[in-house]
Every structure is written in C-alpha cells, then in structure tokens.
PDB file of all heavy atoms in Angstrom:
ATOM      1  N   SER A   1      43.744  35.686  75.133  1.00  0.00           N
ATOM      2  CA  SER A   1      44.159  34.354  75.183  1.00  0.00           C
ATOM      3  C   SER A   1      45.699  34.202  75.098  1.00  0.00           C
ATOM      4  O   SER A   1      46.362  35.179  74.762  1.00  0.00           O
ATOM      5  CB  SER A   1      43.451  33.500  74.053  1.00  0.00           C
ATOM      6  OG  SER A   1      43.879  34.095  72.821  1.00  0.00           O
ATOM      7  N   GLY A   2      46.229  32.921  75.321  1.00  0.00           N
ATOM      8  CA  GLY A   2      47.600  32.782  75.127  1.00  0.00           C
ATOM      9  C   GLY A   2      48.449  32.723  76.491  1.00  0.00           C
ATOM     10  O   GLY A   2      49.663  32.449  76.384  1.00  0.00           O
ATOM     11  N   GLY A   3      47.804  32.990  77.590  1.00  0.00           N
ATOM     12  CA  GLY A   3      48.536  32.878  78.801  1.00  0.00           C
ATOM     13  C   GLY A   3      48.864  31.414  79.190  1.00  0.00           C
ATOM     14  O   GLY A   3      48.383  30.492  78.536  1.00  0.00           O
ATOM     15  N   GLY A   4      49.613  31.269  80.250  1.00  0.00           N
ATOM     16  CA  GLY A   4      50.015  30.020  80.657  1.00  0.00           C
ATOM     17  C   GLY A   4      51.127  29.979  81.589  1.00  0.00           C
ATOM     18  O   GLY A   4      51.634  31.060  82.035  1.00  0.00           O
ATOM     19  N   LEU A   5      51.695  28.716  81.786  1.00  0.00           N
ATOM     20  CA  LEU A   5      52.901  28.594  82.592  1.00  0.00           C
ATOM     21  C   LEU A   5      54.106  28.407  81.690  1.00  0.00           C
ATOM     22  O   LEU A   5      54.148  27.666  80.760  1.00  0.00           O
ATOM     23  CB  LEU A   5      52.782  27.382  83.512  1.00  0.00           C
ATOM     24  CG  LEU A   5      54.019  26.916  84.322  1.00  0.00           C
ATOM     25  CD1 LEU A   5      54.331  27.955  85.384  1.00  0.00           C
ATOM     26  CD2 LEU A   5      53.696  25.564  84.995  1.00  0.00           C
ATOM     27  N   VAL A   6      55.138  29.270  81.981  1.00  0.00           N
ATOM     28  CA  VAL A   6      56.408  29.184  81.178  1.00  0.00           C
ATOM     29  C   VAL A   6      57.652  29.257  82.101  1.00  0.00           C
ATOM     30  O   VAL A   6      57.463  29.927  83.122  1.00  0.00           O
ATOM     31  CB  VAL A   6      56.352  30.228  80.089  1.00  0.00           C
ATOM     32  CG1 VAL A   6      56.436  31.597  80.743  1.00  0.00           C
ATOM     33  CG2 VAL A   6      57.502  30.055  79.105  1.00  0.00           C
ATOM     34  N   GLN A   7      58.648  28.633  81.762  1.00  0.00           N
ATOM     35  CA  GLN A   7      59.941  28.759  82.462  1.00  0.00           C
ATOM     36  C   GLN A   7      60.646  30.083  82.227  1.00  0.00           C
ATOM     37  O   GLN A   7      60.488  30.715  81.211  1.00  0.00           O
ATOM     38  CB  GLN A   7      60.872  27.583  82.127  1.00  0.00           C
ATOM     39  CG  GLN A   7      60.354  26.182  82.582  1.00  0.00           C
ATOM     40  CD  GLN A   7      61.421  25.169  82.259  1.00  0.00           C
ATOM     41  OE1 GLN A   7      62.340  25.289  81.583  1.00  0.00           O
ATOM     42  NE2 GLN A   7      61.249  23.987  82.923  1.00  0.00           N
ATOM     43  N   PRO A   8      61.385  30.507  83.155  1.00  0.00           N
ATOM     44  CA  PRO A   8      62.213  31.667  82.996  1.00  0.00           C
ATOM     45  C   PRO A   8      63.066  31.678  81.754  1.00  0.00           C
ATOM     46  O   PRO A   8      63.631  30.619  81.489  1.00  0.00           O
ATOM     47  CB  PRO A   8      63.107  31.753  84.358  1.00  0.00           C
ATOM     48  CG  PRO A   8      62.310  31.084  85.324  1.00  0.00           C
ATOM     49  CD  PRO A   8      61.578  29.931  84.595  1.00  0.00           C
ATOM     50  N   GLY A   9      63.064  32.752  80.977  1.00  0.00           N
ATOM     51  CA  GLY A   9      63.813  32.768  79.697  1.00  0.00           C
ATOM     52  C   GLY A   9      62.877  32.401  78.532  1.00  0.00           C
ATOM     53  O   GLY A   9      63.307  32.474  77.361  1.00  0.00           O
ATOM     54  N   GLY A  10      61.709  31.829  78.839  1.00  0.00           N
ATOM     55  CA  GLY A  10      60.805  31.411  77.733  1.00  0.00           C
ATOM     56  C   GLY A  10      59.996  32.597  77.165  1.00  0.00           C
ATOM     57  O   GLY A  10      60.202  33.710  77.470  1.00  0.00           O
ATOM     58  N   SER A  11      59.151  32.140  76.195  1.00  0.00           N
ATOM     59  CA  SER A  11      58.288  33.111  75.480  1.00  0.00           C
ATOM     60  C   SER A  11      56.877  32.729  75.480  1.00  0.00           C
ATOM     61  O   SER A  11      56.484  31.588  75.648  1.00  0.00           O
ATOM     62  CB  SER A  11      58.839  33.223  74.027  1.00  0.00           C
ATOM     63  OG  SER A  11      60.149  33.629  73.957  1.00  0.00           O
ATOM     64  N   LEU A  12      56.041  33.723  75.379  1.00  0.00           N
ATOM     65  CA  LEU A  12      54.604  33.543  75.120  1.00  0.00           C
ATOM     66  C   LEU A  12      54.114  34.674  74.281  1.00  0.00           C
ATOM     67  O   LEU A  12      54.645  35.753  74.274  1.00  0.00           O
ATOM     68  CB  LEU A  12      53.791  33.697  76.520  1.00  0.00           C
ATOM     69  CG  LEU A  12      53.852  32.401  77.493  1.00  0.00           C
ATOM     70  CD1 LEU A  12      53.094  32.861  78.702  1.00  0.00           C
ATOM     71  CD2 LEU A  12      53.149  31.184  76.786  1.00  0.00           C
ATOM     72  N   ARG A  13      53.087  34.351  73.557  1.00  0.00           N
ATOM     73  CA  ARG A  13      52.364  35.445  72.733  1.00  0.00           C
ATOM     74  C   ARG A  13      50.867  35.475  73.180  1.00  0.00           C
ATOM     75  O   ARG A  13      50.182  34.460  73.098  1.00  0.00           O
ATOM     76  CB  ARG A  13      52.463  35.170  71.213  1.00  0.00           C
ATOM     77  CG  ARG A  13      51.962  36.393  70.401  1.00  0.00           C
ATOM     78  CD  ARG A  13      52.024  36.283  68.915  1.00  0.00           C
ATOM     79  NE  ARG A  13      50.942  35.462  68.359  1.00  0.00           N
ATOM     80  CZ  ARG A  13      50.569  35.582  67.065  1.00  0.00           C
ATOM     81  NH1 ARG A  13      51.153  36.511  66.317  1.00  0.00           N
ATOM     82  NH2 ARG A  13      49.583  34.918  66.531  1.00  0.00           N
ATOM     83  N   LEU A  14      50.515  36.684  73.681  1.00  0.00           N
ATOM     84  CA  LEU A  14      49.193  36.918  74.021  1.00  0.00           C
ATOM     85  C   LEU A  14      48.389  37.489  72.819  1.00  0.00           C
ATOM     86  O   LEU A  14      48.899  38.244  72.134  1.00  0.00           O
ATOM     87  CB  LEU A  14      49.126  37.847  75.256  1.00  0.00           C
ATOM     88  CG  LEU A  14      49.888  37.424  76.575  1.00  0.00           C
ATOM     89  CD1 LEU A  14      49.618  38.507  77.610  1.00  0.00           C
ATOM     90  CD2 LEU A  14      49.546  36.067  76.973  1.00  0.00           C
ATOM     91  N   SER A  15      47.113  37.151  72.819  1.00  0.00           N
ATOM     92  CA  SER A  15      46.250  37.693  71.812  1.00  0.00           C
ATOM     93  C   SER A  15      45.026  38.318  72.415  1.00  0.00           C
ATOM     94  O   SER A  15      44.597  37.940  73.547  1.00  0.00           O
ATOM     95  CB  SER A  15      45.772  36.679  70.764  1.00  0.00           C
ATOM     96  OG  SER A  15      46.856  36.027  70.153  1.00  0.00           O
ATOM     97  N   CYS A  16      44.475  39.392  71.805  1.00  0.00           N
ATOM     98  CA  CYS A  16      43.257  40.038  72.315  1.00  0.00           C
ATOM     99  C   CYS A  16      42.335  40.324  71.245  1.00  0.00           C
ATOM    100  O   CYS A  16      42.707  41.191  70.312  1.00  0.00           O
ATOM    101  CB  CYS A  16      43.593  41.236  73.103  1.00  0.00           C
ATOM    102  SG  CYS A  16      42.017  42.127  73.583  1.00  0.00           S
ATOM    103  N   ALA A  17      41.325  39.491  71.064  1.00  0.00           N
ATOM    104  CA  ALA A  17      40.388  39.788  69.932  1.00  0.00           C
ATOM    105  C   ALA A  17      39.257  40.657  70.321  1.00  0.00           C
ATOM    106  O   ALA A  17      38.603  40.363  71.415  1.00  0.00           O
ATOM    107  CB  ALA A  17      39.792  38.376  69.479  1.00  0.00           C
ATOM    108  N   ALA A  18      39.011  41.609  69.557  1.00  0.00           N
ATOM    109  CA  ALA A  18      37.987  42.706  69.893  1.00  0.00           C
ATOM    110  C   ALA A  18      36.733  42.458  69.033  1.00  0.00           C
ATOM    111  O   ALA A  18      36.918  42.144  67.799  1.00  0.00           O
ATOM    112  CB  ALA A  18      38.513  44.085  69.727  1.00  0.00           C
ATOM    113  N   SER A  19      35.613  42.837  69.518  1.00  0.00           N
ATOM    114  CA  SER A  19      34.420  42.872  68.719  1.00  0.00           C
ATOM    115  C   SER A  19      33.509  43.925  69.293  1.00  0.00           C
ATOM    116  O   SER A  19      33.641  44.311  70.447  1.00  0.00           O
ATOM    117  CB  SER A  19      33.625  41.526  68.718  1.00  0.00           C
ATOM    118  OG  SER A  19      33.313  41.113  70.050  1.00  0.00           O
ATOM    119  N   GLY A  20      32.620  44.430  68.408  1.00  0.00           N
ATOM    120  CA  GLY A  20      31.676  45.506  68.864  1.00  0.00           C
ATOM    121  C   GLY A  20      32.208  46.938  68.916  1.00  0.00           C
ATOM    122  O   GLY A  20      31.605  47.881  69.327  1.00  0.00           O
ATOM    123  N   ILE A  21      33.435  47.118  68.408  1.00  0.00           N
ATOM    124  CA  ILE A  21      34.066  48.431  68.272  1.00  0.00           C
ATOM    125  C   ILE A  21      34.653  48.587  66.893  1.00  0.00           C
ATOM    126  O   ILE A  21      34.927  47.616  66.251  1.00  0.00           O
ATOM    127  CB  ILE A  21      35.131  48.653  69.390  1.00  0.00           C
ATOM    128  CG1 ILE A  21      36.299  47.670  69.281  1.00  0.00           C
ATOM    129  CG2 ILE A  21      34.562  48.638  70.819  1.00  0.00           C
ATOM    130  CD1 ILE A  21      37.484  47.991  70.145  1.00  0.00           C
ATOM    131  N   SER A  22      34.923  49.798  66.612  1.00  0.00           N
ATOM    132  CA  SER A  22      35.687  50.121  65.379  1.00  0.00           C
ATOM    133  C   SER A  22      37.130  49.992  65.678  1.00  0.00           C
ATOM    134  O   SER A  22      37.839  51.004  66.091  1.00  0.00           O
ATOM    135  CB  SER A  22      35.352  51.541  64.862  1.00  0.00           C
ATOM    136  OG  SER A  22      36.117  51.880  63.705  1.00  0.00           O
ATOM    137  N   PHE A  23      37.606  48.790  65.557  1.00  0.00           N
ATOM    138  CA  PHE A  23      38.942  48.479  66.166  1.00  0.00           C
ATOM    139  C   PHE A  23      40.066  49.407  65.583  1.00  0.00           C
ATOM    140  O   PHE A  23      40.973  49.809  66.273  1.00  0.00           O
ATOM    141  CB  PHE A  23      39.248  46.958  65.809  1.00  0.00           C
ATOM    142  CG  PHE A  23      40.550  46.550  66.329  1.00  0.00           C
ATOM    143  CD1 PHE A  23      40.789  46.137  67.664  1.00  0.00           C
ATOM    144  CD2 PHE A  23      41.704  46.463  65.491  1.00  0.00           C
ATOM    145  CE1 PHE A  23      42.056  45.663  68.157  1.00  0.00           C
ATOM    146  CE2 PHE A  23      42.972  46.025  65.955  1.00  0.00           C
ATOM    147  CZ  PHE A  23      43.064  45.608  67.304  1.00  0.00           C
ATOM    148  N   SER A  24      40.060  49.567  64.250  1.00  0.00           N
ATOM    149  CA  SER A  24      41.135  50.333  63.610  1.00  0.00           C
ATOM    150  C   SER A  24      41.345  51.713  64.158  1.00  0.00           C
ATOM    151  O   SER A  24      42.248  52.362  63.887  1.00  0.00           O
ATOM    152  CB  SER A  24      40.946  50.278  62.095  1.00  0.00           C
ATOM    153  OG  SER A  24      39.759  50.951  61.737  1.00  0.00           O
ATOM    154  N   THR A  25      40.303  52.252  64.644  1.00  0.00           N
ATOM    155  CA  THR A  25      40.372  53.675  65.129  1.00  0.00           C
ATOM    156  C   THR A  25      40.690  53.784  66.692  1.00  0.00           C
ATOM    157  O   THR A  25      40.826  54.950  67.184  1.00  0.00           O
ATOM    158  CB  THR A  25      39.029  54.365  64.939  1.00  0.00           C
ATOM    159  OG1 THR A  25      37.993  53.788  65.780  1.00  0.00           O
ATOM    160  CG2 THR A  25      38.587  54.323  63.475  1.00  0.00           C
ATOM    161  N   HIS A  26      40.792  52.684  67.317  1.00  0.00           N
ATOM    162  CA  HIS A  26      41.182  52.642  68.781  1.00  0.00           C
ATOM    163  C   HIS A  26      42.577  52.464  69.062  1.00  0.00           C
ATOM    164  O   HIS A  26      43.282  51.619  68.504  1.00  0.00           O
ATOM    165  CB  HIS A  26      40.344  51.516  69.420  1.00  0.00           C
ATOM    166  CG  HIS A  26      38.893  51.954  69.822  1.00  0.00           C
ATOM    167  ND1 HIS A  26      37.925  51.958  68.837  1.00  0.00           N
ATOM    168  CD2 HIS A  26      38.344  52.268  70.967  1.00  0.00           C
ATOM    169  CE1 HIS A  26      36.820  52.296  69.419  1.00  0.00           C
ATOM    170  NE2 HIS A  26      37.003  52.556  70.716  1.00  0.00           N
ATOM    171  N   ASN A  27      43.133  53.231  70.042  1.00  0.00           N
ATOM    172  CA  ASN A  27      44.335  52.953  70.697  1.00  0.00           C
ATOM    173  C   ASN A  27      44.105  51.700  71.571  1.00  0.00           C
ATOM    174  O   ASN A  27      43.189  51.596  72.259  1.00  0.00           O
ATOM    175  CB  ASN A  27      44.952  54.125  71.457  1.00  0.00           C
ATOM    176  CG  ASN A  27      45.105  55.390  70.640  1.00  0.00           C
ATOM    177  OD1 ASN A  27      45.377  55.250  69.421  1.00  0.00           O
ATOM    178  ND2 ASN A  27      45.024  56.538  71.181  1.00  0.00           N
ATOM    179  N   MET A  28      45.143  50.834  71.536  1.00  0.00           N
ATOM    180  CA  MET A  28      45.079  49.578  72.353  1.00  0.00           C
ATOM    181  C   MET A  28      46.247  49.521  73.375  1.00  0.00           C
ATOM    182  O   MET A  28      47.331  50.142  73.020  1.00  0.00           O
ATOM    183  CB  MET A  28      45.120  48.342  71.376  1.00  0.00           C
ATOM    184  CG  MET A  28      44.043  48.320  70.377  1.00  0.00           C
ATOM    185  SD  MET A  28      42.364  48.179  71.059  1.00  0.00           S
ATOM    186  CE  MET A  28      42.445  46.527  71.783  1.00  0.00           C
ATOM    187  N   ALA A  29      46.107  48.719  74.390  1.00  0.00           N
ATOM    188  CA  ALA A  29      47.153  48.626  75.360  1.00  0.00           C
ATOM    189  C   ALA A  29      47.040  47.230  76.135  1.00  0.00           C
ATOM    190  O   ALA A  29      45.947  46.685  76.131  1.00  0.00           O
ATOM    191  CB  ALA A  29      46.988  49.836  76.398  1.00  0.00           C
ATOM    192  N   TRP A  30      48.122  46.959  76.618  1.00  0.00           N
ATOM    193  CA  TRP A  30      48.221  45.744  77.609  1.00  0.00           C
ATOM    194  C   TRP A  30      48.638  46.322  78.989  1.00  0.00           C
ATOM    195  O   TRP A  30      49.580  47.066  79.067  1.00  0.00           O
ATOM    196  CB  TRP A  30      49.248  44.697  77.132  1.00  0.00           C
ATOM    197  CG  TRP A  30      48.818  43.886  76.006  1.00  0.00           C
ATOM    198  CD1 TRP A  30      49.061  44.225  74.627  1.00  0.00           C
ATOM    199  CD2 TRP A  30      47.998  42.756  75.952  1.00  0.00           C
ATOM    200  NE1 TRP A  30      48.556  43.217  73.773  1.00  0.00           N
ATOM    201  CE2 TRP A  30      47.857  42.394  74.560  1.00  0.00           C
ATOM    202  CE3 TRP A  30      47.379  42.021  76.956  1.00  0.00           C
ATOM    203  CZ2 TRP A  30      47.139  41.212  74.301  1.00  0.00           C
ATOM    204  CZ3 TRP A  30      46.685  40.856  76.632  1.00  0.00           C
ATOM    205  CH2 TRP A  30      46.511  40.479  75.270  1.00  0.00           C
ATOM    206  N   TYR A  31      47.869  45.845  80.024  1.00  0.00           N
ATOM    207  CA  TYR A  31      48.211  46.170  81.416  1.00  0.00           C
ATOM    208  C   TYR A  31      48.368  44.794  82.004  1.00  0.00           C
ATOM    209  O   TYR A  31      47.997  43.705  81.546  1.00  0.00           O
ATOM    210  CB  TYR A  31      47.040  46.792  82.122  1.00  0.00           C
ATOM    211  CG  TYR A  31      46.790  48.303  81.847  1.00  0.00           C
ATOM    212  CD1 TYR A  31      46.198  48.705  80.605  1.00  0.00           C
ATOM    213  CD2 TYR A  31      47.193  49.302  82.647  1.00  0.00           C
ATOM    214  CE1 TYR A  31      46.030  50.020  80.266  1.00  0.00           C
ATOM    215  CE2 TYR A  31      47.010  50.591  82.389  1.00  0.00           C
ATOM    216  CZ  TYR A  31      46.411  50.996  81.263  1.00  0.00           C
ATOM    217  OH  TYR A  31      46.182  52.300  80.925  1.00  0.00           O
TER     218      TYR A  31
END
C-alpha cells in the first residue's frame, strides 16, 4: 500500500504487510 501520484521531487512511503510467514526470519525486498 501507499502508492499513488506524486510530483517530481516529492516523497511517498510504501508499506508491505505480511501474514502467514515467520516474518522476522525472512529477508525482504522491494522490486
């Protein structure tokens, strides 16, 4: 979540909520 339209120079924060896994033991990534 957190995507959208932003002007050049602006900021956004994306979030990714996980369930069904042992989150703390997983390496995470954004593509």
